[in-house]
Amino acid sequence: MILKAQTSYPQTFSFVLKLHRDAEPAKGQLVGRLEHVATGKQYTFGSKDELVACLTSAVDNALQELSR
């Protein structure tokens, strides 16, 4: 087996998703925090739409940092 030098899941695009104890994903109620592993920056969200917006923002920020 040949190992690739570049990882399939780089830390630049790794996140920790923490759901609040009051979240009820089965009912579509997502409340919590998204944390970017590489920078430690945290994004709070109160709905699935906000979660997607946080993730989009975090990835955009990571891509901007990579291009510098």
C-alpha atoms as a PDB file:
ATOM      1  CA  MET A   1       0.000   0.000   0.000  1.00  0.00           C
ATOM      2  CA  ILE A   2       1.258   3.461  -0.886  1.00  0.00           C
ATOM      3  CA  LEU A   3       0.504   6.202   1.593  1.00  0.00           C
ATOM      4  CA  LYS A   4      -0.273   9.645   0.249  1.00  0.00           C
ATOM      5  CA  ALA A   5       1.756  12.474   1.742  1.00  0.00           C
ATOM      6  CA  GLN A   6      -1.319  14.705   1.854  1.00  0.00           C
ATOM      7  CA  THR A   7      -4.022  13.817   4.342  1.00  0.00           C
ATOM      8  CA  SER A   8      -7.586  13.265   3.155  1.00  0.00           C
ATOM      9  CA  TYR A   9      -8.961  15.205   6.126  1.00  0.00           C
ATOM     10  CA  PRO A  10      -6.608  18.117   6.868  1.00  0.00           C
ATOM     11  CA  GLN A  11      -6.820  19.850  10.229  1.00  0.00           C
ATOM     12  CA  THR A  12      -7.559  23.090   8.374  1.00  0.00           C
ATOM     13  CA  PHE A  13     -11.012  21.707   7.618  1.00  0.00           C
ATOM     14  CA  SER A  14     -11.626  19.880  10.902  1.00  0.00           C
ATOM     15  CA  PHE A  15     -14.371  20.977  13.269  1.00  0.00           C
ATOM     16  CA  VAL A  16     -15.848  19.907  16.580  1.00  0.00           C
ATOM     17  CA  LEU A  17     -19.629  20.086  16.787  1.00  0.00           C
ATOM     18  CA  LYS A  18     -20.999  20.453  20.303  1.00  0.00           C
ATOM     19  CA  LEU A  19     -24.751  20.218  20.733  1.00  0.00           C
ATOM     20  CA  HIS A  20     -26.399  21.911  23.693  1.00  0.00           C
ATOM     21  CA  ARG A  21     -28.225  19.625  26.103  1.00  0.00           C
ATOM     22  CA  ASP A  22     -31.539  21.215  25.014  1.00  0.00           C
ATOM     23  CA  ALA A  23     -30.971  20.383  21.336  1.00  0.00           C
ATOM     24  CA  GLU A  24     -33.417  17.921  19.788  1.00  0.00           C
ATOM     25  CA  PRO A  25     -31.956  16.955  16.396  1.00  0.00           C
ATOM     26  CA  ALA A  26     -34.816  14.541  15.653  1.00  0.00           C
ATOM     27  CA  LYS A  27     -37.177  17.508  15.848  1.00  0.00           C
ATOM     28  CA  GLY A  28     -34.859  19.742  13.805  1.00  0.00           C
ATOM     29  CA  GLN A  29     -33.867  21.803  16.844  1.00  0.00           C
ATOM     30  CA  LEU A  30     -30.120  22.292  16.658  1.00  0.00           C
ATOM     31  CA  VAL A  31     -28.489  24.504  19.268  1.00  0.00           C
ATOM     32  CA  GLY A  32     -24.806  24.471  20.057  1.00  0.00           C
ATOM     33  CA  ARG A  33     -21.319  25.476  19.126  1.00  0.00           C
ATOM     34  CA  LEU A  34     -18.992  24.740  16.227  1.00  0.00           C
ATOM     35  CA  GLU A  35     -15.264  24.932  16.940  1.00  0.00           C
ATOM     36  CA  HIS A  36     -12.556  25.118  14.279  1.00  0.00           C
ATOM     37  CA  VAL A  37      -9.817  22.699  15.364  1.00  0.00           C
ATOM     38  CA  ALA A  38      -6.889  24.537  13.754  1.00  0.00           C
ATOM     39  CA  THR A  39      -7.660  27.997  15.179  1.00  0.00           C
ATOM     40  CA  GLY A  40      -9.924  27.307  18.144  1.00  0.00           C
ATOM     41  CA  LYS A  41     -12.399  29.896  16.843  1.00  0.00           C
ATOM     42  CA  GLN A  42     -15.922  29.183  18.055  1.00  0.00           C
ATOM     43  CA  TYR A  43     -19.233  29.813  16.331  1.00  0.00           C
ATOM     44  CA  THR A  44     -22.544  29.537  18.169  1.00  0.00           C
ATOM     45  CA  PHE A  45     -25.744  28.569  16.418  1.00  0.00           C
ATOM     46  CA  GLY A  46     -29.400  28.275  17.338  1.00  0.00           C
ATOM     47  CA  SER A  47     -30.826  26.495  14.305  1.00  0.00           C
ATOM     48  CA  LYS A  48     -29.794  24.212  11.462  1.00  0.00           C
ATOM     49  CA  ASP A  49     -29.656  27.214   9.122  1.00  0.00           C
ATOM     50  CA  GLU A  50     -27.337  29.031  11.519  1.00  0.00           C
ATOM     51  CA  LEU A  51     -25.164  25.901  11.780  1.00  0.00           C
ATOM     52  CA  VAL A  52     -24.768  25.812   7.995  1.00  0.00           C
ATOM     53  CA  ALA A  53     -23.993  29.551   7.977  1.00  0.00           C
ATOM     54  CA  CYS A  54     -21.367  29.088  10.720  1.00  0.00           C
ATOM     55  CA  LEU A  55     -19.744  26.220   8.871  1.00  0.00           C
ATOM     56  CA  THR A  56     -19.720  28.177   5.615  1.00  0.00           C
ATOM     57  CA  SER A  57     -18.156  31.174   7.340  1.00  0.00           C
ATOM     58  CA  ALA A  58     -15.532  29.035   9.081  1.00  0.00           C
ATOM     59  CA  VAL A  59     -14.517  27.291   5.848  1.00  0.00           C
ATOM     60  CA  ASP A  60     -14.358  30.621   4.007  1.00  0.00           C
ATOM     61  CA  ASN A  61     -12.106  32.000   6.755  1.00  0.00           C
ATOM     62  CA  ALA A  62      -9.869  28.904   6.619  1.00  0.00           C
ATOM     63  CA  LEU A  63      -9.525  29.199   2.841  1.00  0.00           C
ATOM     64  CA  GLN A  64      -8.596  32.878   3.153  1.00  0.00           C
ATOM     65  CA  GLU A  65      -5.919  32.018   5.725  1.00  0.00           C
ATOM     66  CA  LEU A  66      -4.488  29.346   3.412  1.00  0.00           C
ATOM     67  CA  SER A  67      -4.228  31.763   0.498  1.00  0.00           C
ATOM     68  CA  ARG A  68      -2.123  34.276   2.489  1.00  0.00           C
END
